[in-house]
Amino acid sequence: MADLIQIQTTTGSEAEADCIASLLFQKKLAACVQVSGPIRSRYVWNGVQEESTEWMCHIKTLAAKYAAVEAAIREVHSYDEPEIIAIPISQASKGYADWVSRSVSDE
């Protein structure tokens, strides 16, 4: 099985999440981007507790594409320091794994 990962980022608007998804598809960096929200986030930023409404992007791709995905997200993201984390996918059906690999293939 290819080294599948799910990258997660949050945005301040649904439109921004859709923009990120579109860019990742345009650059052939994601097989799937699921956008969910709104969600309520609480966090500390610059020493102040904040609360905001956000949208979550779950991006399915290959580990080898992480750096390119991060760079693409940073191109269009409005946050000073967006959440961009990768979670390894330890198990997936062969068909799904093959589909992800084909979807982000450089060929």
PDB file of N, CA and C in Angstrom:
ATOM      1  N   MET A   1       0.852  -1.192   0.000  1.00  0.00           N
ATOM      2  CA  MET A   1       0.000   0.000   0.000  1.00  0.00           C
ATOM      3  C   MET A   1       0.886   1.239   0.000  1.00  0.00           C
ATOM      4  N   ALA A   2       0.518   2.213  -0.796  1.00  0.00           N
ATOM      5  CA  ALA A   2       1.233   3.486  -0.836  1.00  0.00           C
ATOM      6  C   ALA A   2       1.135   4.162   0.525  1.00  0.00           C
ATOM      7  N   ASP A   3       2.017   5.103   0.783  1.00  0.00           N
ATOM      8  CA  ASP A   3       2.002   5.841   2.041  1.00  0.00           C
ATOM      9  C   ASP A   3       0.927   6.915   1.992  1.00  0.00           C
ATOM     10  N   LEU A   4      -0.301   6.513   2.336  1.00  0.00           N
ATOM     11  CA  LEU A   4      -1.431   7.444   2.323  1.00  0.00           C
ATOM     12  C   LEU A   4      -1.417   8.296   3.579  1.00  0.00           C
ATOM     13  N   ILE A   5      -1.804   9.563   3.421  1.00  0.00           N
ATOM     14  CA  ILE A   5      -1.970  10.452   4.566  1.00  0.00           C
ATOM     15  C   ILE A   5      -3.249  11.260   4.378  1.00  0.00           C
ATOM     16  N   GLN A   6      -3.726  11.776   5.493  1.00  0.00           N
ATOM     17  CA  GLN A   6      -4.809  12.757   5.473  1.00  0.00           C
ATOM     18  C   GLN A   6      -4.229  14.033   6.060  1.00  0.00           C
ATOM     19  N   ILE A   7      -4.254  15.089   5.293  1.00  0.00           N
ATOM     20  CA  ILE A   7      -3.795  16.389   5.774  1.00  0.00           C
ATOM     21  C   ILE A   7      -5.025  17.169   6.202  1.00  0.00           C
ATOM     22  N   GLN A   8      -4.889  17.871   7.292  1.00  0.00           N
ATOM     23  CA  GLN A   8      -6.010  18.619   7.859  1.00  0.00           C
ATOM     24  C   GLN A   8      -5.612  20.081   7.971  1.00  0.00           C
ATOM     25  N   THR A   9      -6.515  20.956   7.565  1.00  0.00           N
ATOM     26  CA  THR A   9      -6.339  22.388   7.773  1.00  0.00           C
ATOM     27  C   THR A   9      -7.706  23.002   8.049  1.00  0.00           C
ATOM     28  N   THR A  10      -7.708  24.118   8.723  1.00  0.00           N
ATOM     29  CA  THR A  10      -8.949  24.840   8.983  1.00  0.00           C
ATOM     30  C   THR A  10      -8.858  26.214   8.333  1.00  0.00           C
ATOM     31  N   THR A  11     -10.030  26.752   7.973  1.00  0.00           N
ATOM     32  CA  THR A  11     -10.100  28.065   7.340  1.00  0.00           C
ATOM     33  C   THR A  11     -11.187  28.890   8.010  1.00  0.00           C
ATOM     34  N   GLY A  12     -11.153  30.181   7.749  1.00  0.00           N
ATOM     35  CA  GLY A  12     -12.139  31.074   8.329  1.00  0.00           C
ATOM     36  C   GLY A  12     -13.429  31.185   7.552  1.00  0.00           C
ATOM     37  N   SER A  13     -13.473  30.562   6.359  1.00  0.00           N
ATOM     38  CA  SER A  13     -14.700  30.628   5.570  1.00  0.00           C
ATOM     39  C   SER A  13     -14.814  29.403   4.670  1.00  0.00           C
ATOM     40  N   GLU A  14     -16.036  29.104   4.288  1.00  0.00           N
ATOM     41  CA  GLU A  14     -16.279  28.000   3.365  1.00  0.00           C
ATOM     42  C   GLU A  14     -15.656  28.305   2.003  1.00  0.00           C
ATOM     43  N   ALA A  15     -15.714  29.564   1.592  1.00  0.00           N
ATOM     44  CA  ALA A  15     -15.136  29.958   0.302  1.00  0.00           C
ATOM     45  C   ALA A  15     -13.630  29.716   0.281  1.00  0.00           C
ATOM     46  N   GLU A  16     -12.966  30.008   1.375  1.00  0.00           N
ATOM     47  CA  GLU A  16     -11.518  29.776   1.442  1.00  0.00           C
ATOM     48  C   GLU A  16     -11.215  28.281   1.406  1.00  0.00           C
ATOM     49  N   ALA A  17     -12.000  27.479   2.086  1.00  0.00           N
ATOM     50  CA  ALA A  17     -11.825  26.022   2.045  1.00  0.00           C
ATOM     51  C   ALA A  17     -12.016  25.513   0.619  1.00  0.00           C
ATOM     52  N   ASP A  18     -13.027  26.013  -0.079  1.00  0.00           N
ATOM     53  CA  ASP A  18     -13.267  25.616  -1.470  1.00  0.00           C
ATOM     54  C   ASP A  18     -12.120  26.053  -2.374  1.00  0.00           C
ATOM     55  N   CYS A  19     -11.548  27.217  -2.115  1.00  0.00           N
ATOM     56  CA  CYS A  19     -10.407  27.713  -2.885  1.00  0.00           C
ATOM     57  C   CYS A  19      -9.205  26.786  -2.712  1.00  0.00           C
ATOM     58  N   ILE A  20      -8.948  26.376  -1.484  1.00  0.00           N
ATOM     59  CA  ILE A  20      -7.849  25.445  -1.211  1.00  0.00           C
ATOM     60  C   ILE A  20      -8.079  24.129  -1.941  1.00  0.00           C
ATOM     61  N   ALA A  21      -9.291  23.603  -1.841  1.00  0.00           N
ATOM     62  CA  ALA A  21      -9.611  22.342  -2.523  1.00  0.00           C
ATOM     63  C   ALA A  21      -9.381  22.473  -4.026  1.00  0.00           C
ATOM     64  N   SER A  22      -9.873  23.534  -4.619  1.00  0.00           N
ATOM     65  CA  SER A  22      -9.720  23.735  -6.063  1.00  0.00           C
ATOM     66  C   SER A  22      -8.249  23.810  -6.458  1.00  0.00           C
ATOM     67  N   LEU A  23      -7.453  24.524  -5.685  1.00  0.00           N
ATOM     68  CA  LEU A  23      -6.029  24.645  -5.982  1.00  0.00           C
ATOM     69  C   LEU A  23      -5.329  23.293  -5.898  1.00  0.00           C
ATOM     70  N   LEU A  24      -5.673  22.502  -4.885  1.00  0.00           N
ATOM     71  CA  LEU A  24      -5.048  21.187  -4.729  1.00  0.00           C
ATOM     72  C   LEU A  24      -5.410  20.263  -5.890  1.00  0.00           C
ATOM     73  N   PHE A  25      -6.649  20.338  -6.373  1.00  0.00           N
ATOM     74  CA  PHE A  25      -7.048  19.534  -7.534  1.00  0.00           C
ATOM     75  C   PHE A  25      -6.348  20.027  -8.798  1.00  0.00           C
ATOM     76  N   GLN A  26      -6.270  21.338  -8.953  1.00  0.00           N
ATOM     77  CA  GLN A  26      -5.601  21.930 -10.122  1.00  0.00           C
ATOM     78  C   GLN A  26      -4.142  21.468 -10.190  1.00  0.00           C
ATOM     79  N   LYS A  27      -3.479  21.397  -9.044  1.00  0.00           N
ATOM     80  CA  LYS A  27      -2.072  20.993  -8.993  1.00  0.00           C
ATOM     81  C   LYS A  27      -1.902  19.474  -8.889  1.00  0.00           C
ATOM     82  N   LYS A  28      -3.015  18.753  -8.898  1.00  0.00           N
ATOM     83  CA  LYS A  28      -3.017  17.289  -8.819  1.00  0.00           C
ATOM     84  C   LYS A  28      -2.319  16.791  -7.551  1.00  0.00           C
ATOM     85  N   LEU A  29      -2.650  17.440  -6.414  1.00  0.00           N
ATOM     86  CA  LEU A  29      -2.031  17.107  -5.138  1.00  0.00           C
ATOM     87  C   LEU A  29      -2.971  16.356  -4.202  1.00  0.00           C
ATOM     88  N   ALA A  30      -4.236  16.278  -4.542  1.00  0.00           N
ATOM     89  CA  ALA A  30      -5.213  15.626  -3.675  1.00  0.00           C
ATOM     90  C   ALA A  30      -6.137  14.742  -4.488  1.00  0.00           C
ATOM     91  N   ALA A  31      -6.454  13.585  -3.930  1.00  0.00           N
ATOM     92  CA  ALA A  31      -7.452  12.706  -4.532  1.00  0.00           C
ATOM     93  C   ALA A  31      -8.844  13.114  -4.081  1.00  0.00           C
ATOM     94  N   CYS A  32      -8.934  13.633  -2.865  1.00  0.00           N
ATOM     95  CA  CYS A  32     -10.216  13.991  -2.263  1.00  0.00           C
ATOM     96  C   CYS A  32      -9.978  15.082  -1.233  1.00  0.00           C
ATOM     97  N   VAL A  33     -10.863  16.062  -1.206  1.00  0.00           N
ATOM     98  CA  VAL A  33     -10.865  17.069  -0.139  1.00  0.00           C
ATOM     99  C   VAL A  33     -12.289  17.140   0.383  1.00  0.00           C
ATOM    100  N   GLN A  34     -12.457  16.790   1.631  1.00  0.00           N
ATOM    101  CA  GLN A  34     -13.766  16.900   2.268  1.00  0.00           C
ATOM    102  C   GLN A  34     -13.779  18.176   3.097  1.00  0.00           C
ATOM    103  N   VAL A  35     -14.786  19.005   2.879  1.00  0.00           N
ATOM    104  CA  VAL A  35     -14.937  20.254   3.611  1.00  0.00           C
ATOM    105  C   VAL A  35     -16.126  20.102   4.553  1.00  0.00           C
ATOM    106  N   SER A  36     -15.887  20.330   5.819  1.00  0.00           N
ATOM    107  CA  SER A  36     -16.979  20.256   6.790  1.00  0.00           C
ATOM    108  C   SER A  36     -17.009  21.533   7.615  1.00  0.00           C
ATOM    109  N   GLY A  37     -18.181  21.841   8.086  1.00  0.00           N
ATOM    110  CA  GLY A  37     -18.321  23.026   8.905  1.00  0.00           C
ATOM    111  C   GLY A  37     -19.723  23.580   8.766  1.00  0.00           C
ATOM    112  N   PRO A  38     -20.010  24.598   9.463  1.00  0.00           N
ATOM    113  CA  PRO A  38     -19.038  25.271  10.314  1.00  0.00           C
ATOM    114  C   PRO A  38     -18.755  24.481  11.590  1.00  0.00           C
ATOM    115  N   ILE A  39     -17.541  24.683  12.090  1.00  0.00           N
ATOM    116  CA  ILE A  39     -17.146  24.131  13.384  1.00  0.00           C
ATOM    117  C   ILE A  39     -16.753  25.300  14.282  1.00  0.00           C
ATOM    118  N   ARG A  40     -16.832  25.085  15.563  1.00  0.00           N
ATOM    119  CA  ARG A  40     -16.425  26.121  16.514  1.00  0.00           C
ATOM    120  C   ARG A  40     -15.062  25.737  17.053  1.00  0.00           C
ATOM    121  N   SER A  41     -14.109  26.638  16.935  1.00  0.00           N
ATOM    122  CA  SER A  41     -12.753  26.384  17.409  1.00  0.00           C
ATOM    123  C   SER A  41     -12.413  27.318  18.555  1.00  0.00           C
ATOM    124  N   ARG A  42     -11.744  26.765  19.537  1.00  0.00           N
ATOM    125  CA  ARG A  42     -11.211  27.552  20.652  1.00  0.00           C
ATOM    126  C   ARG A  42      -9.719  27.285  20.700  1.00  0.00           C
ATOM    127  N   TYR A  43      -8.939  28.337  20.839  1.00  0.00           N
ATOM    128  CA  TYR A  43      -7.491  28.209  20.814  1.00  0.00           C
ATOM    129  C   TYR A  43      -6.854  29.434  21.454  1.00  0.00           C
ATOM    130  N   VAL A  44      -5.572  29.339  21.738  1.00  0.00           N
ATOM    131  CA  VAL A  44      -4.812  30.474  22.245  1.00  0.00           C
ATOM    132  C   VAL A  44      -3.910  30.957  21.120  1.00  0.00           C
ATOM    133  N   TRP A  45      -4.012  32.232  20.790  1.00  0.00           N
ATOM    134  CA  TRP A  45      -3.174  32.827  19.749  1.00  0.00           C
ATOM    135  C   TRP A  45      -2.598  34.126  20.288  1.00  0.00           C
ATOM    136  N   ASN A  46      -1.284  34.243  20.246  1.00  0.00           N
ATOM    137  CA  ASN A  46      -0.577  35.416  20.781  1.00  0.00           C
ATOM    138  C   ASN A  46      -0.974  35.712  22.221  1.00  0.00           C
ATOM    139  N   GLY A  47      -1.118  34.632  23.010  1.00  0.00           N
ATOM    140  CA  GLY A  47      -1.401  34.778  24.427  1.00  0.00           C
ATOM    141  C   GLY A  47      -2.840  35.089  24.777  1.00  0.00           C
ATOM    142  N   VAL A  48      -3.721  35.112  23.792  1.00  0.00           N
ATOM    143  CA  VAL A  48      -5.135  35.437  24.025  1.00  0.00           C
ATOM    144  C   VAL A  48      -5.999  34.247  23.631  1.00  0.00           C
ATOM    145  N   GLN A  49      -6.937  33.896  24.513  1.00  0.00           N
ATOM    146  CA  GLN A  49      -7.868  32.824  24.181  1.00  0.00           C
ATOM    147  C   GLN A  49      -8.874  33.350  23.167  1.00  0.00           C
ATOM    148  N   GLU A  50      -9.004  32.607  22.080  1.00  0.00           N
ATOM    149  CA  GLU A  50      -9.886  33.003  20.983  1.00  0.00           C
ATOM    150  C   GLU A  50     -10.966  31.952  20.765  1.00  0.00           C
ATOM    151  N   GLU A  51     -12.031  32.357  20.118  1.00  0.00           N
ATOM    152  CA  GLU A  51     -13.071  31.442  19.664  1.00  0.00           C
ATOM    153  C   GLU A  51     -13.517  31.925  18.291  1.00  0.00           C
ATOM    154  N   SER A  52     -13.615  30.985  17.342  1.00  0.00           N
ATOM    155  CA  SER A  52     -14.017  31.387  15.996  1.00  0.00           C
ATOM    156  C   SER A  52     -14.794  30.262  15.322  1.00  0.00           C
ATOM    157  N   THR A  53     -15.463  30.623  14.252  1.00  0.00           N
ATOM    158  CA  THR A  53     -16.150  29.664  13.401  1.00  0.00           C
ATOM    159  C   THR A  53     -15.221  29.360  12.234  1.00  0.00           C
ATOM    160  N   GLU A  54     -15.018  28.069  11.975  1.00  0.00           N
ATOM    161  CA  GLU A  54     -14.096  27.666  10.918  1.00  0.00           C
ATOM    162  C   GLU A  54     -14.694  26.532  10.087  1.00  0.00           C
ATOM    163  N   TRP A  55     -14.018  26.236   8.988  1.00  0.00           N
ATOM    164  CA  TRP A  55     -14.332  25.088   8.137  1.00  0.00           C
ATOM    165  C   TRP A  55     -13.093  24.212   8.092  1.00  0.00           C
ATOM    166  N   MET A  56     -13.306  22.907   8.088  1.00  0.00           N
ATOM    167  CA  MET A  56     -12.222  21.930   8.120  1.00  0.00           C
ATOM    168  C   MET A  56     -12.071  21.277   6.756  1.00  0.00           C
ATOM    169  N   CYS A  57     -10.831  21.194   6.300  1.00  0.00           N
ATOM    170  CA  CYS A  57     -10.508  20.463   5.077  1.00  0.00           C
ATOM    171  C   CYS A  57      -9.765  19.192   5.456  1.00  0.00           C
ATOM    172  N   HIS A  58     -10.263  18.046   5.002  1.00  0.00           N
ATOM    173  CA  HIS A  58      -9.596  16.753   5.158  1.00  0.00           C
ATOM    174  C   HIS A  58      -9.113  16.367   3.764  1.00  0.00           C
ATOM    175  N   ILE A  59      -7.819  16.330   3.584  1.00  0.00           N
ATOM    176  CA  ILE A  59      -7.205  16.153   2.269  1.00  0.00           C
ATOM    177  C   ILE A  59      -6.565  14.772   2.196  1.00  0.00           C
ATOM    178  N   LYS A  60      -6.986  13.949   1.233  1.00  0.00           N
ATOM    179  CA  LYS A  60      -6.405  12.608   1.052  1.00  0.00           C
ATOM    180  C   LYS A  60      -5.357  12.686  -0.035  1.00  0.00           C
ATOM    181  N   THR A  61      -4.136  12.235   0.300  1.00  0.00           N
ATOM    182  CA  THR A  61      -3.025  12.299  -0.634  1.00  0.00           C
ATOM    183  C   THR A  61      -1.957  11.297  -0.228  1.00  0.00           C
ATOM    184  N   LEU A  62      -0.775  11.417  -0.822  1.00  0.00           N
ATOM    185  CA  LEU A  62       0.368  10.564  -0.498  1.00  0.00           C
ATOM    186  C   LEU A  62       1.369  11.344   0.340  1.00  0.00           C
ATOM    187  N   ALA A  63       2.078  10.642   1.211  1.00  0.00           N
ATOM    188  CA  ALA A  63       3.073  11.283   2.070  1.00  0.00           C
ATOM    189  C   ALA A  63       4.094  12.061   1.250  1.00  0.00           C
ATOM    190  N   ALA A  64       4.448  11.546   0.094  1.00  0.00           N
ATOM    191  CA  ALA A  64       5.431  12.217  -0.761  1.00  0.00           C
ATOM    192  C   ALA A  64       4.941  13.585  -1.248  1.00  0.00           C
ATOM    193  N   LYS A  65       3.649  13.841  -1.177  1.00  0.00           N
ATOM    194  CA  LYS A  65       3.075  15.103  -1.641  1.00  0.00           C
ATOM    195  C   LYS A  65       2.916  16.132  -0.524  1.00  0.00           C
ATOM    196  N   TYR A  66       3.275  15.771   0.725  1.00  0.00           N
ATOM    197  CA  TYR A  66       3.020  16.667   1.856  1.00  0.00           C
ATOM    198  C   TYR A  66       3.597  18.065   1.641  1.00  0.00           C
ATOM    199  N   ALA A  67       4.872  18.166   1.306  1.00  0.00           N
ATOM    200  CA  ALA A  67       5.516  19.484   1.180  1.00  0.00           C
ATOM    201  C   ALA A  67       4.821  20.336   0.122  1.00  0.00           C
ATOM    202  N   ALA A  68       4.446  19.738  -0.991  1.00  0.00           N
ATOM    203  CA  ALA A  68       3.765  20.484  -2.051  1.00  0.00           C
ATOM    204  C   ALA A  68       2.366  20.914  -1.610  1.00  0.00           C
ATOM    205  N   VAL A  69       1.669  20.044  -0.881  1.00  0.00           N
ATOM    206  CA  VAL A  69       0.341  20.407  -0.368  1.00  0.00           C
ATOM    207  C   VAL A  69       0.467  21.560   0.621  1.00  0.00           C
ATOM    208  N   GLU A  70       1.417  21.464   1.540  1.00  0.00           N
ATOM    209  CA  GLU A  70       1.608  22.551   2.506  1.00  0.00           C
ATOM    210  C   GLU A  70       1.896  23.868   1.792  1.00  0.00           C
ATOM    211  N   ALA A  71       2.787  23.846   0.811  1.00  0.00           N
ATOM    212  CA  ALA A  71       3.117  25.066   0.067  1.00  0.00           C
ATOM    213  C   ALA A  71       1.889  25.632  -0.649  1.00  0.00           C
ATOM    214  N   ALA A  72       1.083  24.769  -1.257  1.00  0.00           N
ATOM    215  CA  ALA A  72      -0.121  25.228  -1.957  1.00  0.00           C
ATOM    216  C   ALA A  72      -1.117  25.848  -0.983  1.00  0.00           C
ATOM    217  N   ILE A  73      -1.303  25.216   0.170  1.00  0.00           N
ATOM    218  CA  ILE A  73      -2.218  25.776   1.171  1.00  0.00           C
ATOM    219  C   ILE A  73      -1.733  27.163   1.599  1.00  0.00           C
ATOM    220  N   ARG A  74      -0.444  27.287   1.867  1.00  0.00           N
ATOM    221  CA  ARG A  74       0.103  28.578   2.309  1.00  0.00           C
ATOM    222  C   ARG A  74      -0.026  29.663   1.236  1.00  0.00           C
ATOM    223  N   GLU A  75      -0.049  29.275  -0.038  1.00  0.00           N
ATOM    224  CA  GLU A  75      -0.223  30.240  -1.141  1.00  0.00           C
ATOM    225  C   GLU A  75      -1.504  31.044  -1.001  1.00  0.00           C
ATOM    226  N   VAL A  76      -2.575  30.388  -0.540  1.00  0.00           N
ATOM    227  CA  VAL A  76      -3.895  31.031  -0.557  1.00  0.00           C
ATOM    228  C   VAL A  76      -4.527  31.197   0.822  1.00  0.00           C
ATOM    229  N   HIS A  77      -3.909  30.658   1.860  1.00  0.00           N
ATOM    230  CA  HIS A  77      -4.517  30.690   3.199  1.00  0.00           C
ATOM    231  C   HIS A  77      -4.407  32.081   3.803  1.00  0.00           C
ATOM    232  N   SER A  78      -5.444  32.524   4.468  1.00  0.00           N
ATOM    233  CA  SER A  78      -5.465  33.867   5.050  1.00  0.00           C
ATOM    234  C   SER A  78      -4.858  33.937   6.453  1.00  0.00           C
ATOM    235  N   TYR A  79      -4.656  32.805   7.112  1.00  0.00           N
ATOM    236  CA  TYR A  79      -4.123  32.828   8.477  1.00  0.00           C
ATOM    237  C   TYR A  79      -2.617  33.060   8.462  1.00  0.00           C
ATOM    238  N   ASP A  80      -2.111  33.745   9.500  1.00  0.00           N
ATOM    239  CA  ASP A  80      -0.665  33.927   9.653  1.00  0.00           C
ATOM    240  C   ASP A  80       0.040  32.580   9.788  1.00  0.00           C
ATOM    241  N   GLU A  81      -0.531  31.697  10.576  1.00  0.00           N
ATOM    242  CA  GLU A  81       0.038  30.356  10.771  1.00  0.00           C
ATOM    243  C   GLU A  81      -1.086  29.339  10.802  1.00  0.00           C
ATOM    244  N   PRO A  82      -1.472  28.843   9.620  1.00  0.00           N
ATOM    245  CA  PRO A  82      -2.586  27.892   9.574  1.00  0.00           C
ATOM    246  C   PRO A  82      -2.207  26.529  10.142  1.00  0.00           C
ATOM    247  N   GLU A  83      -3.198  25.849  10.650  1.00  0.00           N
ATOM    248  CA  GLU A  83      -3.027  24.451  11.029  1.00  0.00           C
ATOM    249  C   GLU A  83      -2.849  23.656   9.742  1.00  0.00           C
ATOM    250  N   ILE A  84      -1.730  22.980   9.628  1.00  0.00           N
ATOM    251  CA  ILE A  84      -1.502  22.060   8.514  1.00  0.00           C
ATOM    252  C   ILE A  84      -0.818  20.847   9.128  1.00  0.00           C
ATOM    253  N   ILE A  85      -1.598  19.787   9.343  1.00  0.00           N
ATOM    254  CA  ILE A  85      -1.049  18.586   9.968  1.00  0.00           C
ATOM    255  C   ILE A  85      -1.366  17.377   9.104  1.00  0.00           C
ATOM    256  N   ALA A  86      -0.502  16.381   9.201  1.00  0.00           N
ATOM    257  CA  ALA A  86      -0.708  15.150   8.437  1.00  0.00           C
ATOM    258  C   ALA A  86      -0.885  13.987   9.390  1.00  0.00           C
ATOM    259  N   ILE A  87      -1.843  13.152   9.061  1.00  0.00           N
ATOM    260  CA  ILE A  87      -2.146  11.961   9.849  1.00  0.00           C
ATOM    261  C   ILE A  87      -1.945  10.759   8.937  1.00  0.00           C
ATOM    262  N   PRO A  88      -1.068   9.817   9.325  1.00  0.00           N
ATOM    263  CA  PRO A  88      -0.882   8.648   8.471  1.00  0.00           C
ATOM    264  C   PRO A  88      -2.140   7.786   8.436  1.00  0.00           C
ATOM    265  N   ILE A  89      -2.410   7.211   7.286  1.00  0.00           N
ATOM    266  CA  ILE A  89      -3.512   6.267   7.136  1.00  0.00           C
ATOM    267  C   ILE A  89      -2.874   4.883   7.167  1.00  0.00           C
ATOM    268  N   SER A  90      -3.067   4.174   8.263  1.00  0.00           N
ATOM    269  CA  SER A  90      -2.376   2.901   8.450  1.00  0.00           C
ATOM    270  C   SER A  90      -3.020   1.759   7.673  1.00  0.00           C
ATOM    271  N   GLN A  91      -4.292   1.862   7.398  1.00  0.00           N
ATOM    272  CA  GLN A  91      -5.004   0.818   6.659  1.00  0.00           C
ATOM    273  C   GLN A  91      -5.992   1.472   5.704  1.00  0.00           C
ATOM    274  N   ALA A  92      -6.084   0.896   4.509  1.00  0.00           N
ATOM    275  CA  ALA A  92      -7.078   1.335   3.520  1.00  0.00           C
ATOM    276  C   ALA A  92      -7.296   0.183   2.555  1.00  0.00           C
ATOM    277  N   SER A  93      -8.473   0.145   1.981  1.00  0.00           N
ATOM    278  CA  SER A  93      -8.720  -0.904   0.985  1.00  0.00           C
ATOM    279  C   SER A  93      -7.769  -0.689  -0.193  1.00  0.00           C
ATOM    280  N   LYS A  94      -7.413  -1.768  -0.840  1.00  0.00           N
ATOM    281  CA  LYS A  94      -6.488  -1.695  -1.971  1.00  0.00           C
ATOM    282  C   LYS A  94      -7.036  -0.787  -3.066  1.00  0.00           C
ATOM    283  N   GLY A  95      -8.315  -0.926  -3.360  1.00  0.00           N
ATOM    284  CA  GLY A  95      -8.911  -0.098  -4.397  1.00  0.00           C
ATOM    285  C   GLY A  95      -8.829   1.387  -4.079  1.00  0.00           C
ATOM    286  N   TYR A  96      -9.102   1.739  -2.827  1.00  0.00           N
ATOM    287  CA  TYR A  96      -9.041   3.147  -2.415  1.00  0.00           C
ATOM    288  C   TYR A  96      -7.611   3.658  -2.493  1.00  0.00           C
ATOM    289  N   ALA A  97      -6.674   2.877  -1.975  1.00  0.00           N
ATOM    290  CA  ALA A  97      -5.263   3.277  -1.999  1.00  0.00           C
ATOM    291  C   ALA A  97      -4.778   3.463  -3.435  1.00  0.00           C
ATOM    292  N   ASP A  98      -5.163   2.552  -4.311  1.00  0.00           N
ATOM    293  CA  ASP A  98      -4.772   2.662  -5.718  1.00  0.00           C
ATOM    294  C   ASP A  98      -5.371   3.915  -6.349  1.00  0.00           C
ATOM    295  N   TRP A  99      -6.624   4.213  -6.024  1.00  0.00           N
ATOM    296  CA  TRP A  99      -7.288   5.404  -6.553  1.00  0.00           C
ATOM    297  C   TRP A  99      -6.573   6.677  -6.101  1.00  0.00           C
ATOM    298  N   VAL A 100      -6.222   6.764  -4.818  1.00  0.00           N
ATOM    299  CA  VAL A 100      -5.490   7.938  -4.331  1.00  0.00           C
ATOM    300  C   VAL A 100      -4.176   8.068  -5.093  1.00  0.00           C
ATOM    301  N   SER A 101      -3.452   6.973  -5.199  1.00  0.00           N
ATOM    302  CA  SER A 101      -2.158   7.001  -5.900  1.00  0.00           C
ATOM    303  C   SER A 101      -2.312   7.460  -7.345  1.00  0.00           C
ATOM    304  N   ARG A 102      -3.294   6.937  -8.043  1.00  0.00           N
ATOM    305  CA  ARG A 102      -3.521   7.323  -9.444  1.00  0.00           C
ATOM    306  C   ARG A 102      -3.918   8.799  -9.534  1.00  0.00           C
ATOM    307  N   SER A 103      -4.704   9.246  -8.587  1.00  0.00           N
ATOM    308  CA  SER A 103      -5.242  10.618  -8.630  1.00  0.00           C
ATOM    309  C   SER A 103      -4.171  11.684  -8.476  1.00  0.00           C
ATOM    310  N   VAL A 104      -3.108  11.360  -7.760  1.00  0.00           N
ATOM    311  CA  VAL A 104      -2.054  12.360  -7.516  1.00  0.00           C
ATOM    312  C   VAL A 104      -0.758  11.989  -8.243  1.00  0.00           C
ATOM    313  N   SER A 105      -0.850  11.044  -9.150  1.00  0.00           N
ATOM    314  CA  SER A 105       0.319  10.578  -9.894  1.00  0.00           C
ATOM    315  C   SER A 105       0.856  11.677 -10.801  1.00  0.00           C
ATOM    316  N   ASP A 106       2.168  11.742 -10.925  1.00  0.00           N
ATOM    317  CA  ASP A 106       2.806  12.720 -11.821  1.00  0.00           C
ATOM    318  C   ASP A 106       2.766  12.278 -13.267  1.00  0.00           C
ATOM    319  N   GLU A 107       2.331  11.058 -13.518  1.00  0.00           N
ATOM    320  CA  GLU A 107       2.307  10.511 -14.884  1.00  0.00           C
ATOM    321  C   GLU A 107       1.118  11.003 -15.654  1.00  0.00           C
TER     322      GLU A 107
END
